[in-house]
Each structure stands twice: as structure tokens, then as C-alpha cells.
Amino acid sequence: VQLQASGGLVQAGDSLRLSCAVSGRTDNIYFTGWFRQAPGKEREFVATILWSGGNTVYSDSVKGRFTISSGNGKNLVYLQMNYLKSEDTAVYYCASRSSGATDWNYWGRGTQVTVSS
């Protein structure tokens, strides 16, 4: 499974949608999700969704501002980010977890999101 995402540079209060293209053997994917790592901090969970859609879960820091969705039959996962804050600045990673896996086992390369205040 390969994952590739795209990010960007925005101002505080703006919106940005991240897209993650998933390729390879996708039939065994159970969850997909987004994580982020800010400078000097550990990587943290942002949001997750069932590969088939639904059962979304969010971290408290993004709940109500971010929305994760899957691509309606296309091998895409989105993260709609609204009301962005400077503390959302990080490298964002999309990831997938296969059925039966005990942890996230496929990771994209990461994409930089910079929110200027």
C-alpha cells in the first residue's frame, strides 16, 4: 500500500483540504487516518475513519474544526481543515491499518502544512 498526500501554506483562520491517494493492495485496509508532527514534538493522532467510511474519531485538539472523509469509492482520503491555527503547523501524514494489524502499518511520506498568524 502506498499513500501520498499534498499540503500547503495558509493563514490563520483559513481552510485547507489535504488529500491522500492510496494505491496498491487496498482490499485489506481496515482504517485510514491522519497524524501530524510539529517541530520538536512527537507525532500525534489527528483523525481516523473506516476504509469503508464512517466511524470517525478525532483528537480533542481538532474536533469541530477538521473533518476526515473517504473518497466515495475512489482510493482517496481527505482531511478538511477549517479555522486553522498556528499550532496546527506540522508535517501531516496519512496512514492505513490493515485488517488484523495491531498498529498502523503503512505510512505516507508526510506533507508540510504551515499556518501563518
Protein backbone atom coordinates (compact mmCIF):
# COMPACT_ATOMS: atom_id res chain seq x y z
CA VAL A 1 0.00 0.00 0.00
CA GLN A 2 1.33 3.42 -0.92
CA LEU A 3 -0.01 6.71 0.37
CA GLN A 4 0.75 10.16 -0.96
CA ALA A 5 -0.61 13.44 0.37
CA SER A 6 -0.39 17.13 -0.54
CA GLY A 7 -0.31 20.12 1.86
CA GLY A 8 0.22 23.86 1.69
CA LEU A 9 0.80 27.27 3.27
CA VAL A 10 -2.19 29.20 4.63
CA GLN A 11 -3.04 31.96 7.09
CA ALA A 12 -4.70 31.56 10.47
CA GLY A 13 -8.45 31.20 10.11
CA ASP A 14 -8.17 29.78 6.60
CA SER A 15 -9.23 26.35 5.40
CA LEU A 16 -7.20 23.69 3.64
CA ARG A 17 -8.06 20.23 2.40
CA LEU A 18 -5.45 17.52 2.44
CA SER A 19 -5.83 14.63 0.04
CA CYS A 20 -4.22 11.24 0.34
CA ALA A 21 -4.10 8.91 -2.64
CA VAL A 22 -3.96 5.27 -1.65
CA SER A 23 -2.64 2.73 -4.11
CA GLY A 24 -1.55 -0.87 -4.11
CA ARG A 25 -3.38 -3.63 -2.30
CA THR A 26 -6.27 -1.73 -0.76
CA ASP A 27 -8.64 -4.64 -0.23
CA ASN A 28 -7.04 -5.43 3.12
CA ILE A 29 -7.23 -1.90 4.55
CA TYR A 30 -9.38 -1.53 7.65
CA PHE A 31 -8.71 2.02 8.83
CA THR A 32 -7.13 5.08 7.32
CA GLY A 33 -6.11 8.11 9.30
CA TRP A 34 -4.14 11.28 9.63
CA PHE A 35 -1.34 12.06 12.03
CA ARG A 36 0.88 15.10 12.43
CA GLN A 37 4.24 16.03 13.86
CA ALA A 38 5.10 19.56 14.85
CA PRO A 39 8.73 20.70 15.20
CA GLY A 40 10.26 19.34 18.38
CA LYS A 41 7.21 17.24 19.22
CA GLU A 42 6.22 13.63 18.85
CA ARG A 43 3.88 12.50 16.12
CA GLU A 44 0.28 12.69 17.28
CA PHE A 45 -3.03 11.25 16.16
CA VAL A 46 -5.40 13.61 14.33
CA ALA A 47 -8.31 11.60 12.90
CA THR A 48 -9.30 8.19 11.64
CA ILE A 49 -12.06 6.67 9.52
CA LEU A 50 -13.03 3.18 8.45
CA TRP A 51 -11.79 2.48 4.92
CA SER A 52 -15.39 1.70 4.02
CA GLY A 53 -16.46 5.01 5.54
CA GLY A 54 -17.93 6.04 8.87
CA ASN A 55 -16.82 5.56 12.48
CA THR A 56 -14.76 8.75 12.51
CA VAL A 57 -12.67 9.62 15.55
CA TYR A 58 -10.86 12.91 16.19
CA SER A 59 -8.32 14.22 18.62
CA ASP A 60 -9.65 16.82 21.02
CA SER A 61 -7.38 19.47 19.51
CA VAL A 62 -9.08 19.28 16.09
CA LYS A 63 -12.61 18.16 16.95
CA GLY A 64 -15.16 20.50 15.45
CA ARG A 65 -12.62 22.05 13.05
CA PHE A 66 -11.34 19.10 11.00
CA THR A 67 -13.32 16.51 9.06
CA ILE A 68 -11.95 13.24 7.73
CA SER A 69 -13.68 11.56 4.82
CA SER A 70 -13.05 8.88 2.26
CA GLY A 71 -13.37 9.31 -1.45
CA ASN A 72 -16.74 7.75 -2.32
CA GLY A 73 -15.38 4.62 -3.93
CA LYS A 74 -12.14 6.26 -5.00
CA ASN A 75 -8.97 5.37 -3.18
CA LEU A 76 -8.73 8.78 -1.57
CA VAL A 77 -8.81 10.02 2.00
CA TYR A 78 -9.39 13.69 2.76
CA LEU A 79 -8.80 15.89 5.76
CA GLN A 80 -10.80 19.10 5.59
CA MET A 81 -9.20 21.57 7.98
CA ASN A 82 -11.15 24.70 8.91
CA TYR A 83 -10.35 27.61 11.25
CA LEU A 84 -6.68 26.74 11.10
CA LYS A 85 -4.44 27.95 13.89
CA SER A 86 -0.70 28.46 14.03
CA GLU A 87 -0.47 25.45 16.34
CA ASP A 88 -1.77 23.28 13.50
CA THR A 89 1.54 23.81 11.73
CA ALA A 90 3.11 20.39 11.30
CA VAL A 91 4.04 17.68 8.89
CA TYR A 92 0.87 15.71 8.24
CA TYR A 93 0.96 12.00 7.49
CA CYS A 94 -1.75 9.78 6.14
CA ALA A 95 -1.64 6.19 7.23
CA SER A 96 -3.51 2.95 6.84
CA ARG A 97 -4.04 -0.04 9.06
CA SER A 98 -4.67 -3.45 7.59
CA SER A 99 -7.28 -5.86 8.86
CA GLY A 100 -5.72 -7.88 11.67
CA ALA A 101 -2.81 -5.48 12.16
CA THR A 102 -2.06 -4.36 15.69
CA ASP A 103 -0.83 -0.92 14.63
CA TRP A 104 -0.74 1.46 11.68
CA ASN A 105 1.37 -0.40 9.17
CA TYR A 106 1.52 1.83 6.06
CA TRP A 107 2.56 5.47 6.09
CA GLY A 108 2.76 8.22 3.54
CA ARG A 109 5.86 10.39 3.32
CA GLY A 110 4.29 13.38 5.03
CA THR A 111 3.32 16.80 3.76
CA GLN A 112 4.06 20.18 5.32
CA VAL A 113 1.19 22.38 6.46
CA THR A 114 2.22 25.83 7.62
CA VAL A 115 -0.28 28.21 9.20
CA SER A 116 0.97 31.76 9.47
CA SER A 117 -0.50 34.09 12.08
